[in-house]
Amino acid sequence: MSFWMTKVAHELKQAGREVGPLAAPDPDPDWFAGLLRLVAATGKSVDELTIGELRALIEKRTRNYNRNCRIIAALEEREVNRAKRNAIRG
């Protein structure tokens, strides 16, 4: 297999991994709802999106979703720590 064919094969496999979560039987509802909003904002139907556009939307949604999860986890940890301090103070 030539270098070019190997590169294309790698790109196809990577695209499949990135688009793969859409094929999951039960994707995370919050993640999926956010992706739906991003797709709707393009003004295109799913069939009109290129694979590259879809990959970019999935990447953007995943990045935002993960950031939001980290923020929520930090807020929850802060609340737990506050409750512990209050319990110690009695």
PDB file of N, CA and C in Angstrom:
ATOM      1  N   MET A   1       0.859  -1.168   0.000  1.00  0.00           N
ATOM      2  CA  MET A   1       0.000   0.000   0.000  1.00  0.00           C
ATOM      3  C   MET A   1       0.905   1.231   0.000  1.00  0.00           C
ATOM      4  N   SER A   2       0.587   2.185  -0.843  1.00  0.00           N
ATOM      5  CA  SER A   2       1.406   3.381  -0.946  1.00  0.00           C
ATOM      6  C   SER A   2       1.179   4.285   0.264  1.00  0.00           C
ATOM      7  N   PHE A   3       2.075   5.253   0.436  1.00  0.00           N
ATOM      8  CA  PHE A   3       1.948   6.207   1.534  1.00  0.00           C
ATOM      9  C   PHE A   3       0.617   6.948   1.433  1.00  0.00           C
ATOM     10  N   TRP A   4       0.254   7.373   0.229  1.00  0.00           N
ATOM     11  CA  TRP A   4      -0.992   8.117   0.027  1.00  0.00           C
ATOM     12  C   TRP A   4      -2.186   7.274   0.441  1.00  0.00           C
ATOM     13  N   MET A   5      -2.214   6.005   0.030  1.00  0.00           N
ATOM     14  CA  MET A   5      -3.331   5.137   0.381  1.00  0.00           C
ATOM     15  C   MET A   5      -3.392   4.895   1.891  1.00  0.00           C
ATOM     16  N   THR A   6      -2.229   4.782   2.509  1.00  0.00           N
ATOM     17  CA  THR A   6      -2.179   4.596   3.955  1.00  0.00           C
ATOM     18  C   THR A   6      -2.730   5.833   4.656  1.00  0.00           C
ATOM     19  N   LYS A   7      -2.375   7.012   4.145  1.00  0.00           N
ATOM     20  CA  LYS A   7      -2.860   8.267   4.720  1.00  0.00           C
ATOM     21  C   LYS A   7      -4.375   8.363   4.577  1.00  0.00           C
ATOM     22  N   VAL A   8      -4.896   8.028   3.415  1.00  0.00           N
ATOM     23  CA  VAL A   8      -6.338   8.082   3.179  1.00  0.00           C
ATOM     24  C   VAL A   8      -7.056   7.078   4.079  1.00  0.00           C
ATOM     25  N   ALA A   9      -6.495   5.890   4.216  1.00  0.00           N
ATOM     26  CA  ALA A   9      -7.102   4.875   5.080  1.00  0.00           C
ATOM     27  C   ALA A   9      -7.160   5.377   6.521  1.00  0.00           C
ATOM     28  N   HIS A  10      -6.090   6.009   6.978  1.00  0.00           N
ATOM     29  CA  HIS A  10      -6.061   6.569   8.329  1.00  0.00           C
ATOM     30  C   HIS A  10      -7.136   7.650   8.482  1.00  0.00           C
ATOM     31  N   GLU A  11      -7.260   8.527   7.492  1.00  0.00           N
ATOM     32  CA  GLU A  11      -8.253   9.600   7.547  1.00  0.00           C
ATOM     33  C   GLU A  11      -9.674   9.043   7.568  1.00  0.00           C
ATOM     34  N   LEU A  12      -9.925   8.006   6.778  1.00  0.00           N
ATOM     35  CA  LEU A  12     -11.258   7.397   6.763  1.00  0.00           C
ATOM     36  C   LEU A  12     -11.585   6.758   8.111  1.00  0.00           C
ATOM     37  N   LYS A  13     -10.608   6.070   8.687  1.00  0.00           N
ATOM     38  CA  LYS A  13     -10.836   5.451   9.994  1.00  0.00           C
ATOM     39  C   LYS A  13     -11.076   6.512  11.059  1.00  0.00           C
ATOM     40  N   GLN A  14     -10.310   7.601  10.999  1.00  0.00           N
ATOM     41  CA  GLN A  14     -10.479   8.681  11.967  1.00  0.00           C
ATOM     42  C   GLN A  14     -11.857   9.319  11.825  1.00  0.00           C
ATOM     43  N   ALA A  15     -12.297   9.550  10.599  1.00  0.00           N
ATOM     44  CA  ALA A  15     -13.628  10.127  10.376  1.00  0.00           C
ATOM     45  C   ALA A  15     -14.706   9.205  10.935  1.00  0.00           C
ATOM     46  N   GLY A  16     -14.535   7.915  10.747  1.00  0.00           N
ATOM     47  CA  GLY A  16     -15.489   6.952  11.277  1.00  0.00           C
ATOM     48  C   GLY A  16     -15.560   6.982  12.786  1.00  0.00           C
ATOM     49  N   ARG A  17     -14.394   7.130  13.438  1.00  0.00           N
ATOM     50  CA  ARG A  17     -14.371   7.210  14.901  1.00  0.00           C
ATOM     51  C   ARG A  17     -15.061   8.481  15.387  1.00  0.00           C
ATOM     52  N   GLU A  18     -14.865   9.574  14.667  1.00  0.00           N
ATOM     53  CA  GLU A  18     -15.436  10.852  15.089  1.00  0.00           C
ATOM     54  C   GLU A  18     -16.944  10.909  14.861  1.00  0.00           C
ATOM     55  N   VAL A  19     -17.405  10.310  13.792  1.00  0.00           N
ATOM     56  CA  VAL A  19     -18.834  10.328  13.483  1.00  0.00           C
ATOM     57  C   VAL A  19     -19.536   9.164  14.170  1.00  0.00           C
ATOM     58  N   GLY A  20     -18.791   8.181  14.602  1.00  0.00           N
ATOM     59  CA  GLY A  20     -19.335   6.988  15.225  1.00  0.00           C
ATOM     60  C   GLY A  20     -20.297   7.212  16.380  1.00  0.00           C
ATOM     61  N   PRO A  21     -20.044   8.196  17.276  1.00  0.00           N
ATOM     62  CA  PRO A  21     -20.976   8.389  18.387  1.00  0.00           C
ATOM     63  C   PRO A  21     -22.421   8.634  17.943  1.00  0.00           C
ATOM     64  N   LEU A  22     -22.610   9.115  16.747  1.00  0.00           N
ATOM     65  CA  LEU A  22     -23.970   9.344  16.252  1.00  0.00           C
ATOM     66  C   LEU A  22     -24.706   8.028  16.043  1.00  0.00           C
ATOM     67  N   ALA A  23     -23.957   6.955  15.825  1.00  0.00           N
ATOM     68  CA  ALA A  23     -24.575   5.657  15.575  1.00  0.00           C
ATOM     69  C   ALA A  23     -24.866   4.896  16.861  1.00  0.00           C
ATOM     70  N   ALA A  24     -24.434   5.442  17.993  1.00  0.00           N
ATOM     71  CA  ALA A  24     -24.689   4.772  19.275  1.00  0.00           C
ATOM     72  C   ALA A  24     -26.190   4.684  19.504  1.00  0.00           C
ATOM     73  N   PRO A  25     -26.664   3.568  20.073  1.00  0.00           N
ATOM     74  CA  PRO A  25     -28.111   3.417  20.270  1.00  0.00           C
ATOM     75  C   PRO A  25     -28.699   4.485  21.192  1.00  0.00           C
ATOM     76  N   ASP A  26     -27.968   4.901  22.198  1.00  0.00           N
ATOM     77  CA  ASP A  26     -28.451   5.903  23.147  1.00  0.00           C
ATOM     78  C   ASP A  26     -27.364   6.930  23.435  1.00  0.00           C
ATOM     79  N   PRO A  27     -27.121   7.873  22.514  1.00  0.00           N
ATOM     80  CA  PRO A  27     -26.108   8.884  22.815  1.00  0.00           C
ATOM     81  C   PRO A  27     -26.568   9.737  23.996  1.00  0.00           C
ATOM     82  N   ASP A  28     -25.624  10.335  24.705  1.00  0.00           N
ATOM     83  CA  ASP A  28     -25.961  11.191  25.837  1.00  0.00           C
ATOM     84  C   ASP A  28     -26.960  12.258  25.372  1.00  0.00           C
ATOM     85  N   PRO A  29     -28.111  12.355  26.021  1.00  0.00           N
ATOM     86  CA  PRO A  29     -29.157  13.278  25.558  1.00  0.00           C
ATOM     87  C   PRO A  29     -28.721  14.743  25.533  1.00  0.00           C
ATOM     88  N   ASP A  30     -27.951  15.169  26.537  1.00  0.00           N
ATOM     89  CA  ASP A  30     -27.501  16.567  26.562  1.00  0.00           C
ATOM     90  C   ASP A  30     -26.518  16.845  25.431  1.00  0.00           C
ATOM     91  N   TRP A  31     -25.577  15.921  25.235  1.00  0.00           N
ATOM     92  CA  TRP A  31     -24.603  16.079  24.154  1.00  0.00           C
ATOM     93  C   TRP A  31     -25.323  16.126  22.810  1.00  0.00           C
ATOM     94  N   PHE A  32     -26.254  15.188  22.621  1.00  0.00           N
ATOM     95  CA  PHE A  32     -26.956  15.072  21.344  1.00  0.00           C
ATOM     96  C   PHE A  32     -27.828  16.300  21.088  1.00  0.00           C
ATOM     97  N   ALA A  33     -28.496  16.811  22.121  1.00  0.00           N
ATOM     98  CA  ALA A  33     -29.329  18.010  21.964  1.00  0.00           C
ATOM     99  C   ALA A  33     -28.477  19.198  21.531  1.00  0.00           C
ATOM    100  N   GLY A  34     -27.288  19.305  22.115  1.00  0.00           N
ATOM    101  CA  GLY A  34     -26.385  20.384  21.717  1.00  0.00           C
ATOM    102  C   GLY A  34     -25.939  20.247  20.273  1.00  0.00           C
ATOM    103  N   LEU A  35     -25.682  19.025  19.856  1.00  0.00           N
ATOM    104  CA  LEU A  35     -25.299  18.796  18.460  1.00  0.00           C
ATOM    105  C   LEU A  35     -26.459  19.146  17.527  1.00  0.00           C
ATOM    106  N   LEU A  36     -27.670  18.792  17.929  1.00  0.00           N
ATOM    107  CA  LEU A  36     -28.837  19.140  17.110  1.00  0.00           C
ATOM    108  C   LEU A  36     -28.937  20.649  16.919  1.00  0.00           C
ATOM    109  N   ARG A  37     -28.688  21.409  17.991  1.00  0.00           N
ATOM    110  CA  ARG A  37     -28.730  22.877  17.889  1.00  0.00           C
ATOM    111  C   ARG A  37     -27.661  23.387  16.933  1.00  0.00           C
ATOM    112  N   LEU A  38     -26.463  22.797  17.001  1.00  0.00           N
ATOM    113  CA  LEU A  38     -25.384  23.224  16.103  1.00  0.00           C
ATOM    114  C   LEU A  38     -25.724  22.926  14.644  1.00  0.00           C
ATOM    115  N   VAL A  39     -26.274  21.741  14.398  1.00  0.00           N
ATOM    116  CA  VAL A  39     -26.653  21.377  13.028  1.00  0.00           C
ATOM    117  C   VAL A  39     -27.740  22.317  12.530  1.00  0.00           C
ATOM    118  N   ALA A  40     -28.745  22.585  13.366  1.00  0.00           N
ATOM    119  CA  ALA A  40     -29.832  23.479  12.966  1.00  0.00           C
ATOM    120  C   ALA A  40     -29.305  24.879  12.650  1.00  0.00           C
ATOM    121  N   ALA A  41     -28.308  25.318  13.401  1.00  0.00           N
ATOM    122  CA  ALA A  41     -27.745  26.657  13.197  1.00  0.00           C
ATOM    123  C   ALA A  41     -27.043  26.793  11.848  1.00  0.00           C
ATOM    124  N   THR A  42     -26.664  25.673  11.232  1.00  0.00           N
ATOM    125  CA  THR A  42     -26.010  25.756   9.920  1.00  0.00           C
ATOM    126  C   THR A  42     -27.013  26.116   8.831  1.00  0.00           C
ATOM    127  N   GLY A  43     -28.294  25.850   9.089  1.00  0.00           N
ATOM    128  CA  GLY A  43     -29.307  26.094   8.069  1.00  0.00           C
ATOM    129  C   GLY A  43     -29.349  25.012   7.005  1.00  0.00           C
ATOM    130  N   LYS A  44     -28.576  23.953   7.213  1.00  0.00           N
ATOM    131  CA  LYS A  44     -28.523  22.853   6.252  1.00  0.00           C
ATOM    132  C   LYS A  44     -29.192  21.625   6.848  1.00  0.00           C
ATOM    133  N   SER A  45     -29.685  20.758   5.966  1.00  0.00           N
ATOM    134  CA  SER A  45     -30.154  19.460   6.443  1.00  0.00           C
ATOM    135  C   SER A  45     -28.921  18.592   6.681  1.00  0.00           C
ATOM    136  N   VAL A  46     -29.088  17.520   7.419  1.00  0.00           N
ATOM    137  CA  VAL A  46     -27.963  16.620   7.687  1.00  0.00           C
ATOM    138  C   VAL A  46     -27.373  16.119   6.373  1.00  0.00           C
ATOM    139  N   ASP A  47     -28.220  15.807   5.400  1.00  0.00           N
ATOM    140  CA  ASP A  47     -27.731  15.310   4.114  1.00  0.00           C
ATOM    141  C   ASP A  47     -26.924  16.348   3.343  1.00  0.00           C
ATOM    142  N   GLU A  48     -27.152  17.621   3.627  1.00  0.00           N
ATOM    143  CA  GLU A  48     -26.410  18.681   2.933  1.00  0.00           C
ATOM    144  C   GLU A  48     -25.042  18.943   3.556  1.00  0.00           C
ATOM    145  N   LEU A  49     -24.834  18.489   4.771  1.00  0.00           N
ATOM    146  CA  LEU A  49     -23.544  18.701   5.432  1.00  0.00           C
ATOM    147  C   LEU A  49     -22.484  17.782   4.825  1.00  0.00           C
ATOM    148  N   THR A  50     -21.290  18.312   4.681  1.00  0.00           N
ATOM    149  CA  THR A  50     -20.182  17.457   4.258  1.00  0.00           C
ATOM    150  C   THR A  50     -19.693  16.680   5.476  1.00  0.00           C
ATOM    151  N   ILE A  51     -18.923  15.644   5.232  1.00  0.00           N
ATOM    152  CA  ILE A  51     -18.351  14.882   6.337  1.00  0.00           C
ATOM    153  C   ILE A  51     -17.462  15.798   7.176  1.00  0.00           C
ATOM    154  N   GLY A  52     -16.724  16.655   6.513  1.00  0.00           N
ATOM    155  CA  GLY A  52     -15.849  17.592   7.231  1.00  0.00           C
ATOM    156  C   GLY A  52     -16.641  18.544   8.117  1.00  0.00           C
ATOM    157  N   GLU A  53     -17.755  19.041   7.608  1.00  0.00           N
ATOM    158  CA  GLU A  53     -18.598  19.933   8.412  1.00  0.00           C
ATOM    159  C   GLU A  53     -19.174  19.196   9.609  1.00  0.00           C
ATOM    160  N   LEU A  54     -19.641  17.989   9.386  1.00  0.00           N
ATOM    161  CA  LEU A  54     -20.207  17.196  10.470  1.00  0.00           C
ATOM    162  C   LEU A  54     -19.145  16.881  11.518  1.00  0.00           C
ATOM    163  N   ARG A  55     -17.953  16.524  11.065  1.00  0.00           N
ATOM    164  CA  ARG A  55     -16.854  16.254  12.001  1.00  0.00           C
ATOM    165  C   ARG A  55     -16.540  17.492  12.827  1.00  0.00           C
ATOM    166  N   ALA A  56     -16.523  18.655  12.191  1.00  0.00           N
ATOM    167  CA  ALA A  56     -16.228  19.900  12.908  1.00  0.00           C
ATOM    168  C   ALA A  56     -17.310  20.203  13.948  1.00  0.00           C
ATOM    169  N   LEU A  57     -18.566  19.962  13.599  1.00  0.00           N
ATOM    170  CA  LEU A  57     -19.659  20.193  14.552  1.00  0.00           C
ATOM    171  C   LEU A  57     -19.571  19.237  15.735  1.00  0.00           C
ATOM    172  N   ILE A  58     -19.260  17.973  15.462  1.00  0.00           N
ATOM    173  CA  ILE A  58     -19.114  16.989  16.534  1.00  0.00           C
ATOM    174  C   ILE A  58     -17.956  17.382  17.447  1.00  0.00           C
ATOM    175  N   GLU A  59     -16.846  17.793  16.853  1.00  0.00           N
ATOM    176  CA  GLU A  59     -15.683  18.206  17.640  1.00  0.00           C
ATOM    177  C   GLU A  59     -16.030  19.414  18.512  1.00  0.00           C
ATOM    178  N   LYS A  60     -16.711  20.400  17.925  1.00  0.00           N
ATOM    179  CA  LYS A  60     -17.094  21.595  18.678  1.00  0.00           C
ATOM    180  C   LYS A  60     -18.027  21.231  19.828  1.00  0.00           C
ATOM    181  N   ARG A  61     -19.020  20.386  19.557  1.00  0.00           N
ATOM    182  CA  ARG A  61     -19.974  20.001  20.597  1.00  0.00           C
ATOM    183  C   ARG A  61     -19.283  19.237  21.718  1.00  0.00           C
ATOM    184  N   THR A  62     -18.400  18.320  21.352  1.00  0.00           N
ATOM    185  CA  THR A  62     -17.693  17.530  22.350  1.00  0.00           C
ATOM    186  C   THR A  62     -16.807  18.421  23.212  1.00  0.00           C
ATOM    187  N   ARG A  63     -16.110  19.352  22.584  1.00  0.00           N
ATOM    188  CA  ARG A  63     -15.238  20.274  23.326  1.00  0.00           C
ATOM    189  C   ARG A  63     -16.066  21.110  24.316  1.00  0.00           C
ATOM    190  N   ASN A  64     -17.183  21.673  23.852  1.00  0.00           N
ATOM    191  CA  ASN A  64     -18.040  22.483  24.727  1.00  0.00           C
ATOM    192  C   ASN A  64     -18.667  21.642  25.832  1.00  0.00           C
ATOM    193  N   TYR A  65     -19.114  20.451  25.479  1.00  0.00           N
ATOM    194  CA  TYR A  65     -19.744  19.556  26.451  1.00  0.00           C
ATOM    195  C   TYR A  65     -18.753  19.186  27.556  1.00  0.00           C
ATOM    196  N   ASN A  66     -17.536  18.819  27.156  1.00  0.00           N
ATOM    197  CA  ASN A  66     -16.515  18.436  28.141  1.00  0.00           C
ATOM    198  C   ASN A  66     -16.145  19.621  29.030  1.00  0.00           C
ATOM    199  N   ARG A  67     -16.061  20.814  28.446  1.00  0.00           N
ATOM    200  CA  ARG A  67     -15.765  22.006  29.239  1.00  0.00           C
ATOM    201  C   ARG A  67     -16.875  22.239  30.261  1.00  0.00           C
ATOM    202  N   ASN A  68     -18.116  22.131  29.818  1.00  0.00           N
ATOM    203  CA  ASN A  68     -19.249  22.327  30.725  1.00  0.00           C
ATOM    204  C   ASN A  68     -19.261  21.278  31.838  1.00  0.00           C
ATOM    205  N   CYS A  69     -18.919  20.038  31.506  1.00  0.00           N
ATOM    206  CA  CYS A  69     -18.861  18.982  32.526  1.00  0.00           C
ATOM    207  C   CYS A  69     -17.802  19.302  33.570  1.00  0.00           C
ATOM    208  N   ARG A  70     -16.648  19.820  33.130  1.00  0.00           N
ATOM    209  CA  ARG A  70     -15.594  20.184  34.082  1.00  0.00           C
ATOM    210  C   ARG A  70     -16.046  21.327  34.981  1.00  0.00           C
ATOM    211  N   ILE A  71     -16.757  22.295  34.420  1.00  0.00           N
ATOM    212  CA  ILE A  71     -17.263  23.421  35.211  1.00  0.00           C
ATOM    213  C   ILE A  71     -18.261  22.928  36.248  1.00  0.00           C
ATOM    214  N   ILE A  72     -19.175  22.071  35.824  1.00  0.00           N
ATOM    215  CA  ILE A  72     -20.179  21.538  36.750  1.00  0.00           C
ATOM    216  C   ILE A  72     -19.507  20.730  37.864  1.00  0.00           C
ATOM    217  N   ALA A  73     -18.530  19.924  37.501  1.00  0.00           N
ATOM    218  CA  ALA A  73     -17.818  19.125  38.511  1.00  0.00           C
ATOM    219  C   ALA A  73     -17.111  20.034  39.507  1.00  0.00           C
ATOM    220  N   ALA A  74     -16.511  21.115  39.035  1.00  0.00           N
ATOM    221  CA  ALA A  74     -15.820  22.044  39.936  1.00  0.00           C
ATOM    222  C   ALA A  74     -16.819  22.724  40.869  1.00  0.00           C
ATOM    223  N   LEU A  75     -17.976  23.113  40.347  1.00  0.00           N
ATOM    224  CA  LEU A  75     -19.002  23.732  41.192  1.00  0.00           C
ATOM    225  C   LEU A  75     -19.524  22.759  42.233  1.00  0.00           C
ATOM    226  N   GLU A  76     -19.734  21.513  41.821  1.00  0.00           N
ATOM    227  CA  GLU A  76     -20.198  20.493  42.767  1.00  0.00           C
ATOM    228  C   GLU A  76     -19.161  20.246  43.856  1.00  0.00           C
ATOM    229  N   GLU A  77     -17.899  20.209  43.473  1.00  0.00           N
ATOM    230  CA  GLU A  77     -16.839  19.991  44.451  1.00  0.00           C
ATOM    231  C   GLU A  77     -16.787  21.162  45.436  1.00  0.00           C
ATOM    232  N   ARG A  78     -16.967  22.368  44.936  1.00  0.00           N
ATOM    233  CA  ARG A  78     -16.964  23.540  45.808  1.00  0.00           C
ATOM    234  C   ARG A  78     -18.110  23.460  46.820  1.00  0.00           C
ATOM    235  N   GLU A  79     -19.277  23.029  46.368  1.00  0.00           N
ATOM    236  CA  GLU A  79     -20.426  22.895  47.257  1.00  0.00           C
ATOM    237  C   GLU A  79     -20.188  21.818  48.312  1.00  0.00           C
ATOM    238  N   VAL A  80     -19.590  20.713  47.913  1.00  0.00           N
ATOM    239  CA  VAL A  80     -19.278  19.640  48.866  1.00  0.00           C
ATOM    240  C   VAL A  80     -18.296  20.156  49.909  1.00  0.00           C
ATOM    241  N   ASN A  81     -17.270  20.861  49.465  1.00  0.00           N
ATOM    242  CA  ASN A  81     -16.274  21.393  50.401  1.00  0.00           C
ATOM    243  C   ASN A  81     -16.913  22.406  51.355  1.00  0.00           C
ATOM    244  N   ARG A  82     -17.809  23.226  50.841  1.00  0.00           N
ATOM    245  CA  ARG A  82     -18.501  24.200  51.678  1.00  0.00           C
ATOM    246  C   ARG A  82     -19.353  23.475  52.729  1.00  0.00           C
ATOM    247  N   ALA A  83     -20.044  22.433  52.316  1.00  0.00           N
ATOM    248  CA  ALA A  83     -20.877  21.659  53.249  1.00  0.00           C
ATOM    249  C   ALA A  83     -20.006  20.996  54.315  1.00  0.00           C
ATOM    250  N   LYS A  84     -18.843  20.491  53.928  1.00  0.00           N
ATOM    251  CA  LYS A  84     -17.931  19.878  54.900  1.00  0.00           C
ATOM    252  C   LYS A  84     -17.454  20.912  55.916  1.00  0.00           C
ATOM    253  N   ARG A  85     -17.069  22.096  55.434  1.00  0.00           N
ATOM    254  CA  ARG A  85     -16.610  23.155  56.337  1.00  0.00           C
ATOM    255  C   ARG A  85     -17.716  23.543  57.312  1.00  0.00           C
ATOM    256  N   ASN A  86     -18.933  23.674  56.803  1.00  0.00           N
ATOM    257  CA  ASN A  86     -20.057  24.032  57.655  1.00  0.00           C
ATOM    258  C   ASN A  86     -20.344  22.950  58.688  1.00  0.00           C
ATOM    259  N   ALA A  87     -20.204  21.698  58.280  1.00  0.00           N
ATOM    260  CA  ALA A  87     -20.447  20.581  59.207  1.00  0.00           C
ATOM    261  C   ALA A  87     -19.396  20.577  60.312  1.00  0.00           C
ATOM    262  N   ILE A  88     -18.151  20.899  59.965  1.00  0.00           N
ATOM    263  CA  ILE A  88     -17.067  20.917  60.953  1.00  0.00           C
ATOM    264  C   ILE A  88     -17.302  22.054  61.939  1.00  0.00           C
ATOM    265  N   ARG A  89     -17.733  23.198  61.437  1.00  0.00           N
ATOM    266  CA  ARG A  89     -17.976  24.357  62.297  1.00  0.00           C
ATOM    267  C   ARG A  89     -19.165  24.117  63.216  1.00  0.00           C
ATOM    268  N   GLY A  90     -20.068  23.260  62.723  1.00  0.00           N
ATOM    269  CA  GLY A  90     -21.186  22.806  63.514  1.00  0.00           C
ATOM    270  C   GLY A  90     -22.237  23.763  63.784  1.00  0.00           C
TER     271      GLY A  90
END
